[in-house]
Amino acid sequence: MAEIEANKVVEIRAVELQRGFEKMSDITQTEKIRAVFFGKAGVEYEAKVQQANWELYEKQKAAVAVLYKKEKETEVERIYALKSLFVKQQLTDAELYT
């Protein structure tokens, strides 16, 4: 159950990141067209694009780190649940054979 939820979180986050990337891409394309027509704005535009790309990259890295942490936490919970189930099965088996 936790693994399914973790997978859903991963998928949702991937979609959110993709939407953010597409939005930034659209903004970038629009700004690039404007920069071509406004000469001096070209240099400023490139600087802003680089800054926006860097910020997006940093946000993506942070999101991936959070996702990785959540996946590992979910894996630990799954292992503990399996361990608990195994112990309960062993106790039940012991009761049946005594």
PDB file of N, CA and C in Angstrom:
ATOM      1  N   MET A   1       0.831  -1.189   0.000  1.00  0.00           N
ATOM      2  CA  MET A   1       0.000   0.000   0.000  1.00  0.00           C
ATOM      3  C   MET A   1       0.873   1.249   0.000  1.00  0.00           C
ATOM      4  N   ALA A   2       1.856   1.252   0.878  1.00  0.00           N
ATOM      5  CA  ALA A   2       2.756   2.404   0.957  1.00  0.00           C
ATOM      6  C   ALA A   2       3.550   2.547  -0.331  1.00  0.00           C
ATOM      7  N   GLU A   3       3.902   1.427  -0.924  1.00  0.00           N
ATOM      8  CA  GLU A   3       4.671   1.470  -2.171  1.00  0.00           C
ATOM      9  C   GLU A   3       3.826   2.057  -3.303  1.00  0.00           C
ATOM     10  N   ILE A   4       2.551   1.715  -3.328  1.00  0.00           N
ATOM     11  CA  ILE A   4       1.647   2.262  -4.343  1.00  0.00           C
ATOM     12  C   ILE A   4       1.519   3.766  -4.154  1.00  0.00           C
ATOM     13  N   GLU A   5       1.351   4.184  -2.898  1.00  0.00           N
ATOM     14  CA  GLU A   5       1.252   5.612  -2.615  1.00  0.00           C
ATOM     15  C   GLU A   5       2.537   6.327  -3.003  1.00  0.00           C
ATOM     16  N   ALA A   6       3.654   5.714  -2.735  1.00  0.00           N
ATOM     17  CA  ALA A   6       4.938   6.325  -3.095  1.00  0.00           C
ATOM     18  C   ALA A   6       5.044   6.458  -4.608  1.00  0.00           C
ATOM     19  N   ASN A   7       4.604   5.441  -5.326  1.00  0.00           N
ATOM     20  CA  ASN A   7       4.635   5.501  -6.788  1.00  0.00           C
ATOM     21  C   ASN A   7       3.725   6.604  -7.314  1.00  0.00           C
ATOM     22  N   LYS A   8       2.551   6.754  -6.682  1.00  0.00           N
ATOM     23  CA  LYS A   8       1.641   7.823  -7.095  1.00  0.00           C
ATOM     24  C   LYS A   8       2.272   9.183  -6.839  1.00  0.00           C
ATOM     25  N   VAL A   9       2.926   9.324  -5.699  1.00  0.00           N
ATOM     26  CA  VAL A   9       3.601  10.583  -5.381  1.00  0.00           C
ATOM     27  C   VAL A   9       4.678  10.865  -6.418  1.00  0.00           C
ATOM     28  N   VAL A  10       5.396   9.833  -6.805  1.00  0.00           N
ATOM     29  CA  VAL A  10       6.447   9.988  -7.817  1.00  0.00           C
ATOM     30  C   VAL A  10       5.831  10.450  -9.133  1.00  0.00           C
ATOM     31  N   GLU A  11       4.744   9.817  -9.535  1.00  0.00           N
ATOM     32  CA  GLU A  11       4.104  10.177 -10.797  1.00  0.00           C
ATOM     33  C   GLU A  11       3.562  11.596 -10.762  1.00  0.00           C
ATOM     34  N   ILE A  12       2.925  11.958  -9.656  1.00  0.00           N
ATOM     35  CA  ILE A  12       2.378  13.308  -9.520  1.00  0.00           C
ATOM     36  C   ILE A  12       3.496  14.335  -9.577  1.00  0.00           C
ATOM     37  N   ARG A  13       4.573  14.061  -8.873  1.00  0.00           N
ATOM     38  CA  ARG A  13       5.694  15.009  -8.851  1.00  0.00           C
ATOM     39  C   ARG A  13       6.327  15.123 -10.233  1.00  0.00           C
ATOM     40  N   ALA A  14       6.412  14.015 -10.939  1.00  0.00           N
ATOM     41  CA  ALA A  14       6.970  14.049 -12.293  1.00  0.00           C
ATOM     42  C   ALA A  14       6.101  14.901 -13.210  1.00  0.00           C
ATOM     43  N   VAL A  15       4.784  14.769 -13.087  1.00  0.00           N
ATOM     44  CA  VAL A  15       3.870  15.576 -13.898  1.00  0.00           C
ATOM     45  C   VAL A  15       4.015  17.049 -13.542  1.00  0.00           C
ATOM     46  N   GLU A  16       4.103  17.355 -12.247  1.00  0.00           N
ATOM     47  CA  GLU A  16       4.279  18.740 -11.820  1.00  0.00           C
ATOM     48  C   GLU A  16       5.579  19.318 -12.365  1.00  0.00           C
ATOM     49  N   LEU A  17       6.645  18.548 -12.282  1.00  0.00           N
ATOM     50  CA  LEU A  17       7.926  19.013 -12.810  1.00  0.00           C
ATOM     51  C   LEU A  17       7.847  19.222 -14.319  1.00  0.00           C
ATOM     52  N   GLN A  18       7.170  18.307 -15.013  1.00  0.00           N
ATOM     53  CA  GLN A  18       7.028  18.441 -16.462  1.00  0.00           C
ATOM     54  C   GLN A  18       6.231  19.692 -16.804  1.00  0.00           C
ATOM     55  N   ARG A  19       5.156  19.953 -16.067  1.00  0.00           N
ATOM     56  CA  ARG A  19       4.366  21.162 -16.310  1.00  0.00           C
ATOM     57  C   ARG A  19       5.212  22.408 -16.078  1.00  0.00           C
ATOM     58  N   GLY A  20       5.957  22.397 -14.987  1.00  0.00           N
ATOM     59  CA  GLY A  20       6.832  23.531 -14.702  1.00  0.00           C
ATOM     60  C   GLY A  20       7.857  23.717 -15.799  1.00  0.00           C
ATOM     61  N   PHE A  21       8.415  22.618 -16.256  1.00  0.00           N
ATOM     62  CA  PHE A  21       9.409  22.690 -17.331  1.00  0.00           C
ATOM     63  C   PHE A  21       8.780  23.230 -18.611  1.00  0.00           C
ATOM     64  N   GLU A  22       7.585  22.747 -18.955  1.00  0.00           N
ATOM     65  CA  GLU A  22       6.914  23.225 -20.165  1.00  0.00           C
ATOM     66  C   GLU A  22       6.568  24.706 -20.056  1.00  0.00           C
ATOM     67  N   LYS A  23       6.141  25.122 -18.884  1.00  0.00           N
ATOM     68  CA  LYS A  23       5.826  26.536 -18.676  1.00  0.00           C
ATOM     69  C   LYS A  23       7.077  27.383 -18.854  1.00  0.00           C
ATOM     70  N   MET A  24       8.175  26.937 -18.236  1.00  0.00           N
ATOM     71  CA  MET A  24       9.427  27.674 -18.378  1.00  0.00           C
ATOM     72  C   MET A  24       9.885  27.670 -19.835  1.00  0.00           C
ATOM     73  N   SER A  25       9.672  26.580 -20.526  1.00  0.00           N
ATOM     74  CA  SER A  25      10.047  26.491 -21.933  1.00  0.00           C
ATOM     75  C   SER A  25       9.241  27.476 -22.772  1.00  0.00           C
ATOM     76  N   ASP A  26       7.941  27.555 -22.513  1.00  0.00           N
ATOM     77  CA  ASP A  26       7.098  28.514 -23.230  1.00  0.00           C
ATOM     78  C   ASP A  26       7.542  29.943 -22.957  1.00  0.00           C
ATOM     79  N   ILE A  27       7.815  30.239 -21.705  1.00  0.00           N
ATOM     80  CA  ILE A  27       8.291  31.573 -21.340  1.00  0.00           C
ATOM     81  C   ILE A  27       9.612  31.864 -22.035  1.00  0.00           C
ATOM     82  N   THR A  28      10.477  30.875 -22.047  1.00  0.00           N
ATOM     83  CA  THR A  28      11.780  31.038 -22.691  1.00  0.00           C
ATOM     84  C   THR A  28      11.622  31.328 -24.176  1.00  0.00           C
ATOM     85  N   GLN A  29      10.768  30.582 -24.848  1.00  0.00           N
ATOM     86  CA  GLN A  29      10.547  30.803 -26.281  1.00  0.00           C
ATOM     87  C   GLN A  29       9.994  32.201 -26.546  1.00  0.00           C
ATOM     88  N   THR A  30       9.033  32.619 -25.743  1.00  0.00           N
ATOM     89  CA  THR A  30       8.451  33.950 -25.901  1.00  0.00           C
ATOM     90  C   THR A  30       9.510  35.023 -25.703  1.00  0.00           C
ATOM     91  N   GLU A  31      10.288  34.872 -24.660  1.00  0.00           N
ATOM     92  CA  GLU A  31      11.335  35.850 -24.376  1.00  0.00           C
ATOM     93  C   GLU A  31      12.405  35.852 -25.460  1.00  0.00           C
ATOM     94  N   LYS A  32      12.698  34.707 -26.004  1.00  0.00           N
ATOM     95  CA  LYS A  32      13.711  34.632 -27.067  1.00  0.00           C
ATOM     96  C   LYS A  32      13.250  35.408 -28.301  1.00  0.00           C
ATOM     97  N   ILE A  33      12.000  35.265 -28.659  1.00  0.00           N
ATOM     98  CA  ILE A  33      11.446  35.996 -29.801  1.00  0.00           C
ATOM     99  C   ILE A  33      11.505  37.497 -29.545  1.00  0.00           C
ATOM    100  N   ARG A  34      11.124  37.911 -28.346  1.00  0.00           N
ATOM    101  CA  ARG A  34      11.192  39.335 -27.999  1.00  0.00           C
ATOM    102  C   ARG A  34      12.624  39.851 -28.069  1.00  0.00           C
ATOM    103  N   ALA A  35      13.548  39.055 -27.579  1.00  0.00           N
ATOM    104  CA  ALA A  35      14.948  39.479 -27.554  1.00  0.00           C
ATOM    105  C   ALA A  35      15.488  39.702 -28.960  1.00  0.00           C
ATOM    106  N   VAL A  36      15.076  38.874 -29.888  1.00  0.00           N
ATOM    107  CA  VAL A  36      15.527  39.028 -31.273  1.00  0.00           C
ATOM    108  C   VAL A  36      15.109  40.395 -31.811  1.00  0.00           C
ATOM    109  N   PHE A  37      13.929  40.837 -31.450  1.00  0.00           N
ATOM    110  CA  PHE A  37      13.405  42.104 -31.958  1.00  0.00           C
ATOM    111  C   PHE A  37      13.895  43.318 -31.169  1.00  0.00           C
ATOM    112  N   PHE A  38      14.439  43.133 -30.015  1.00  0.00           N
ATOM    113  CA  PHE A  38      14.818  44.281 -29.194  1.00  0.00           C
ATOM    114  C   PHE A  38      16.319  44.419 -28.975  1.00  0.00           C
ATOM    115  N   GLY A  39      17.154  43.766 -29.741  1.00  0.00           N
ATOM    116  CA  GLY A  39      18.603  43.952 -29.722  1.00  0.00           C
ATOM    117  C   GLY A  39      19.254  43.861 -28.363  1.00  0.00           C
ATOM    118  N   LYS A  40      19.362  44.993 -27.666  1.00  0.00           N
ATOM    119  CA  LYS A  40      20.047  45.050 -26.381  1.00  0.00           C
ATOM    120  C   LYS A  40      19.433  44.076 -25.376  1.00  0.00           C
ATOM    121  N   ALA A  41      18.160  43.874 -25.500  1.00  0.00           N
ATOM    122  CA  ALA A  41      17.473  42.971 -24.575  1.00  0.00           C
ATOM    123  C   ALA A  41      18.002  41.550 -24.691  1.00  0.00           C
ATOM    124  N   GLY A  42      18.679  41.243 -25.814  1.00  0.00           N
ATOM    125  CA  GLY A  42      19.201  39.897 -26.023  1.00  0.00           C
ATOM    126  C   GLY A  42      20.155  39.453 -24.937  1.00  0.00           C
ATOM    127  N   VAL A  43      21.070  40.328 -24.554  1.00  0.00           N
ATOM    128  CA  VAL A  43      22.048  39.984 -23.522  1.00  0.00           C
ATOM    129  C   VAL A  43      21.352  39.782 -22.182  1.00  0.00           C
ATOM    130  N   GLU A  44      20.464  40.717 -21.852  1.00  0.00           N
ATOM    131  CA  GLU A  44      19.725  40.603 -20.588  1.00  0.00           C
ATOM    132  C   GLU A  44      18.864  39.343 -20.586  1.00  0.00           C
ATOM    133  N   TYR A  45      18.268  39.073 -21.725  1.00  0.00           N
ATOM    134  CA  TYR A  45      17.423  37.893 -21.843  1.00  0.00           C
ATOM    135  C   TYR A  45      18.213  36.616 -21.578  1.00  0.00           C
ATOM    136  N   GLU A  46      19.352  36.496 -22.210  1.00  0.00           N
ATOM    137  CA  GLU A  46      20.165  35.295 -22.023  1.00  0.00           C
ATOM    138  C   GLU A  46      20.563  35.120 -20.563  1.00  0.00           C
ATOM    139  N   ALA A  47      20.884  36.234 -19.906  1.00  0.00           N
ATOM    140  CA  ALA A  47      21.241  36.160 -18.487  1.00  0.00           C
ATOM    141  C   ALA A  47      20.054  35.672 -17.665  1.00  0.00           C
ATOM    142  N   LYS A  48      18.874  36.193 -17.970  1.00  0.00           N
ATOM    143  CA  LYS A  48      17.672  35.779 -17.236  1.00  0.00           C
ATOM    144  C   LYS A  48      17.330  34.314 -17.515  1.00  0.00           C
ATOM    145  N   VAL A  49      17.498  33.908 -18.754  1.00  0.00           N
ATOM    146  CA  VAL A  49      17.224  32.510 -19.108  1.00  0.00           C
ATOM    147  C   VAL A  49      18.159  31.589 -18.341  1.00  0.00           C
ATOM    148  N   GLN A  50      19.424  31.954 -18.313  1.00  0.00           N
ATOM    149  CA  GLN A  50      20.390  31.142 -17.576  1.00  0.00           C
ATOM    150  C   GLN A  50      20.018  31.082 -16.097  1.00  0.00           C
ATOM    151  N   GLN A  51      19.619  32.220 -15.543  1.00  0.00           N
ATOM    152  CA  GLN A  51      19.216  32.259 -14.132  1.00  0.00           C
ATOM    153  C   GLN A  51      17.977  31.389 -13.910  1.00  0.00           C
ATOM    154  N   ALA A  52      16.981  31.527 -14.791  1.00  0.00           N
ATOM    155  CA  ALA A  52      15.753  30.732 -14.661  1.00  0.00           C
ATOM    156  C   ALA A  52      16.052  29.244 -14.795  1.00  0.00           C
ATOM    157  N   ASN A  53      16.908  28.904 -15.743  1.00  0.00           N
ATOM    158  CA  ASN A  53      17.273  27.493 -15.912  1.00  0.00           C
ATOM    159  C   ASN A  53      17.985  26.962 -14.680  1.00  0.00           C
ATOM    160  N   TRP A  54      18.871  27.768 -14.106  1.00  0.00           N
ATOM    161  CA  TRP A  54      19.581  27.353 -12.901  1.00  0.00           C
ATOM    162  C   TRP A  54      18.600  27.146 -11.750  1.00  0.00           C
ATOM    163  N   GLU A  55      17.676  28.087 -11.578  1.00  0.00           N
ATOM    164  CA  GLU A  55      16.687  27.967 -10.500  1.00  0.00           C
ATOM    165  C   GLU A  55      15.821  26.725 -10.697  1.00  0.00           C
ATOM    166  N   LEU A  56      15.413  26.483 -11.930  1.00  0.00           N
ATOM    167  CA  LEU A  56      14.613  25.291 -12.217  1.00  0.00           C
ATOM    168  C   LEU A  56      15.407  24.027 -11.913  1.00  0.00           C
ATOM    169  N   TYR A  57      16.657  24.008 -12.310  1.00  0.00           N
ATOM    170  CA  TYR A  57      17.526  22.864 -12.042  1.00  0.00           C
ATOM    171  C   TYR A  57      17.651  22.623 -10.541  1.00  0.00           C
ATOM    172  N   GLU A  58      17.849  23.689  -9.782  1.00  0.00           N
ATOM    173  CA  GLU A  58      17.967  23.556  -8.327  1.00  0.00           C
ATOM    174  C   GLU A  58      16.672  23.030  -7.718  1.00  0.00           C
ATOM    175  N   LYS A  59      15.538  23.533  -8.194  1.00  0.00           N
ATOM    176  CA  LYS A  59      14.249  23.061  -7.682  1.00  0.00           C
ATOM    177  C   LYS A  59      14.036  21.587  -8.025  1.00  0.00           C
ATOM    178  N   GLN A  60      14.424  21.203  -9.225  1.00  0.00           N
ATOM    179  CA  GLN A  60      14.282  19.805  -9.626  1.00  0.00           C
ATOM    180  C   GLN A  60      15.173  18.904  -8.772  1.00  0.00           C
ATOM    181  N   LYS A  61      16.402  19.355  -8.517  1.00  0.00           N
ATOM    182  CA  LYS A  61      17.297  18.564  -7.672  1.00  0.00           C
ATOM    183  C   LYS A  61      16.712  18.411  -6.272  1.00  0.00           C
ATOM    184  N   ALA A  62      16.149  19.493  -5.740  1.00  0.00           N
ATOM    185  CA  ALA A  62      15.548  19.434  -4.409  1.00  0.00           C
ATOM    186  C   ALA A  62      14.349  18.487  -4.404  1.00  0.00           C
ATOM    187  N   ALA A  63      13.530  18.555  -5.446  1.00  0.00           N
ATOM    188  CA  ALA A  63      12.359  17.678  -5.530  1.00  0.00           C
ATOM    189  C   ALA A  63      12.777  16.221  -5.638  1.00  0.00           C
ATOM    190  N   VAL A  64      13.797  15.951  -6.412  1.00  0.00           N
ATOM    191  CA  VAL A  64      14.294  14.580  -6.551  1.00  0.00           C
ATOM    192  C   VAL A  64      14.849  14.083  -5.217  1.00  0.00           C
ATOM    193  N   ALA A  65      15.521  14.961  -4.487  1.00  0.00           N
ATOM    194  CA  ALA A  65      16.061  14.566  -3.184  1.00  0.00           C
ATOM    195  C   ALA A  65      14.935  14.223  -2.215  1.00  0.00           C
ATOM    196  N   VAL A  66      13.884  15.036  -2.211  1.00  0.00           N
ATOM    197  CA  VAL A  66      12.734  14.768  -1.341  1.00  0.00           C
ATOM    198  C   VAL A  66      12.078  13.456  -1.748  1.00  0.00           C
ATOM    199  N   LEU A  67      11.916  13.267  -3.030  1.00  0.00           N
ATOM    200  CA  LEU A  67      11.309  12.034  -3.529  1.00  0.00           C
ATOM    201  C   LEU A  67      12.139  10.818  -3.136  1.00  0.00           C
ATOM    202  N   TYR A  68      13.437  10.909  -3.292  1.00  0.00           N
ATOM    203  CA  TYR A  68      14.331   9.809  -2.922  1.00  0.00           C
ATOM    204  C   TYR A  68      14.180   9.482  -1.437  1.00  0.00           C
ATOM    205  N   LYS A  69      14.146  10.527  -0.619  1.00  0.00           N
ATOM    206  CA  LYS A  69      14.000  10.321   0.822  1.00  0.00           C
ATOM    207  C   LYS A  69      12.671   9.628   1.127  1.00  0.00           C
ATOM    208  N   LYS A  70      11.593  10.089   0.495  1.00  0.00           N
ATOM    209  CA  LYS A  70      10.277   9.480   0.721  1.00  0.00           C
ATOM    210  C   LYS A  70      10.271   8.017   0.274  1.00  0.00           C
ATOM    211  N   GLU A  71      10.908   7.744  -0.854  1.00  0.00           N
ATOM    212  CA  GLU A  71      10.965   6.362  -1.334  1.00  0.00           C
ATOM    213  C   GLU A  71      11.701   5.476  -0.340  1.00  0.00           C
ATOM    214  N   LYS A  72      12.803   5.966   0.203  1.00  0.00           N
ATOM    215  CA  LYS A  72      13.571   5.179   1.165  1.00  0.00           C
ATOM    216  C   LYS A  72      12.773   4.980   2.446  1.00  0.00           C
ATOM    217  N   GLU A  73      12.065   6.026   2.894  1.00  0.00           N
ATOM    218  CA  GLU A  73      11.236   5.892   4.090  1.00  0.00           C
ATOM    219  C   GLU A  73      10.132   4.862   3.862  1.00  0.00           C
ATOM    220  N   THR A  74       9.542   4.902   2.684  1.00  0.00           N
ATOM    221  CA  THR A  74       8.489   3.947   2.348  1.00  0.00           C
ATOM    222  C   THR A  74       9.044   2.530   2.311  1.00  0.00           C
ATOM    223  N   GLU A  75      10.232   2.378   1.770  1.00  0.00           N
ATOM    224  CA  GLU A  75      10.867   1.057   1.712  1.00  0.00           C
ATOM    225  C   GLU A  75      11.122   0.523   3.122  1.00  0.00           C
ATOM    226  N   VAL A  76      11.571   1.387   4.012  1.00  0.00           N
ATOM    227  CA  VAL A  76      11.812   0.974   5.397  1.00  0.00           C
ATOM    228  C   VAL A  76      10.496   0.546   6.043  1.00  0.00           C
ATOM    229  N   GLU A  77       9.436   1.333   5.823  1.00  0.00           N
ATOM    230  CA  GLU A  77       8.127   0.980   6.379  1.00  0.00           C
ATOM    231  C   GLU A  77       7.658  -0.371   5.839  1.00  0.00           C
ATOM    232  N   ARG A  78       7.888  -0.601   4.562  1.00  0.00           N
ATOM    233  CA  ARG A  78       7.483  -1.869   3.949  1.00  0.00           C
ATOM    234  C   ARG A  78       8.245  -3.040   4.571  1.00  0.00           C
ATOM    235  N   ILE A  79       9.528  -2.842   4.780  1.00  0.00           N
ATOM    236  CA  ILE A  79      10.346  -3.902   5.376  1.00  0.00           C
ATOM    237  C   ILE A  79       9.879  -4.201   6.796  1.00  0.00           C
ATOM    238  N   TYR A  80       9.606  -3.146   7.571  1.00  0.00           N
ATOM    239  CA  TYR A  80       9.117  -3.362   8.929  1.00  0.00           C
ATOM    240  C   TYR A  80       7.761  -4.063   8.925  1.00  0.00           C
ATOM    241  N   ALA A  81       6.899  -3.712   7.976  1.00  0.00           N
ATOM    242  CA  ALA A  81       5.591  -4.362   7.885  1.00  0.00           C
ATOM    243  C   ALA A  81       5.755  -5.842   7.548  1.00  0.00           C
ATOM    244  N   LEU A  82       6.647  -6.146   6.620  1.00  0.00           N
ATOM    245  CA  LEU A  82       6.899  -7.549   6.276  1.00  0.00           C
ATOM    246  C   LEU A  82       7.488  -8.310   7.459  1.00  0.00           C
ATOM    247  N   LYS A  83       8.387  -7.659   8.174  1.00  0.00           N
ATOM    248  CA  LYS A  83       8.987  -8.294   9.347  1.00  0.00           C
ATOM    249  C   LYS A  83       7.914  -8.579  10.391  1.00  0.00           C
ATOM    250  N   SER A  84       7.045  -7.603  10.619  1.00  0.00           N
ATOM    251  CA  SER A  84       5.967  -7.772  11.587  1.00  0.00           C
ATOM    252  C   SER A  84       5.039  -8.909  11.158  1.00  0.00           C
ATOM    253  N   LEU A  85       4.712  -8.961   9.881  1.00  0.00           N
ATOM    254  CA  LEU A  85       3.863 -10.031   9.368  1.00  0.00           C
ATOM    255  C   LEU A  85       4.524 -11.388   9.568  1.00  0.00           C
ATOM    256  N   PHE A  86       5.809 -11.479   9.284  1.00  0.00           N
ATOM    257  CA  PHE A  86       6.535 -12.728   9.452  1.00  0.00           C
ATOM    258  C   PHE A  86       6.498 -13.184  10.910  1.00  0.00           C
ATOM    259  N   VAL A  87       6.733 -12.249  11.826  1.00  0.00           N
ATOM    260  CA  VAL A  87       6.721 -12.589  13.254  1.00  0.00           C
ATOM    261  C   VAL A  87       5.336 -13.084  13.656  1.00  0.00           C
ATOM    262  N   LYS A  88       4.292 -12.403  13.194  1.00  0.00           N
ATOM    263  CA  LYS A  88       2.928 -12.822  13.530  1.00  0.00           C
ATOM    264  C   LYS A  88       2.628 -14.208  12.963  1.00  0.00           C
ATOM    265  N   GLN A  89       3.103 -14.465  11.748  1.00  0.00           N
ATOM    266  CA  GLN A  89       2.899 -15.786  11.156  1.00  0.00           C
ATOM    267  C   GLN A  89       3.630 -16.858  11.956  1.00  0.00           C
ATOM    268  N   GLN A  90       4.830 -16.552  12.400  1.00  0.00           N
ATOM    269  CA  GLN A  90       5.593 -17.509  13.197  1.00  0.00           C
ATOM    270  C   GLN A  90       4.879 -17.793  14.515  1.00  0.00           C
ATOM    271  N   LEU A  91       4.354 -16.750  15.147  1.00  0.00           N
ATOM    272  CA  LEU A  91       3.626 -16.942  16.406  1.00  0.00           C
ATOM    273  C   LEU A  91       2.363 -17.771  16.185  1.00  0.00           C
ATOM    274  N   THR A  92       1.660 -17.489  15.108  1.00  0.00           N
ATOM    275  CA  THR A  92       0.449 -18.243  14.792  1.00  0.00           C
ATOM    276  C   THR A  92       0.789 -19.702  14.520  1.00  0.00           C
ATOM    277  N   ASP A  93       1.838 -19.940  13.759  1.00  0.00           N
ATOM    278  CA  ASP A  93       2.271 -21.310  13.490  1.00  0.00           C
ATOM    279  C   ASP A  93       2.659 -22.025  14.782  1.00  0.00           C
ATOM    280  N   ALA A  94       3.340 -21.325  15.656  1.00  0.00           N
ATOM    281  CA  ALA A  94       3.761 -21.922  16.925  1.00  0.00           C
ATOM    282  C   ALA A  94       2.546 -22.314  17.757  1.00  0.00           C
ATOM    283  N   GLU A  95       1.521 -21.460  17.751  1.00  0.00           N
ATOM    284  CA  GLU A  95       0.304 -21.770  18.503  1.00  0.00           C
ATOM    285  C   GLU A  95      -0.414 -22.979  17.904  1.00  0.00           C
ATOM    286  N   LEU A  96      -0.400 -23.098  16.601  1.00  0.00           N
ATOM    287  CA  LEU A  96      -1.075 -24.216  15.954  1.00  0.00           C
ATOM    288  C   LEU A  96      -0.392 -25.549  16.250  1.00  0.00           C
ATOM    289  N   TYR A  97       0.916 -25.546  16.363  1.00  0.00           N
ATOM    290  CA  TYR A  97       1.663 -26.788  16.558  1.00  0.00           C
ATOM    291  C   TYR A  97       1.876 -27.149  18.028  1.00  0.00           C
ATOM    292  N   THR A  98       1.392 -26.296  18.919  1.00  0.00           N
ATOM    293  CA  THR A  98       1.566 -26.635  20.344  1.00  0.00           C
ATOM    294  C   THR A  98       0.296 -27.135  20.950  1.00  0.00           C
TER     295      THR A  98
END
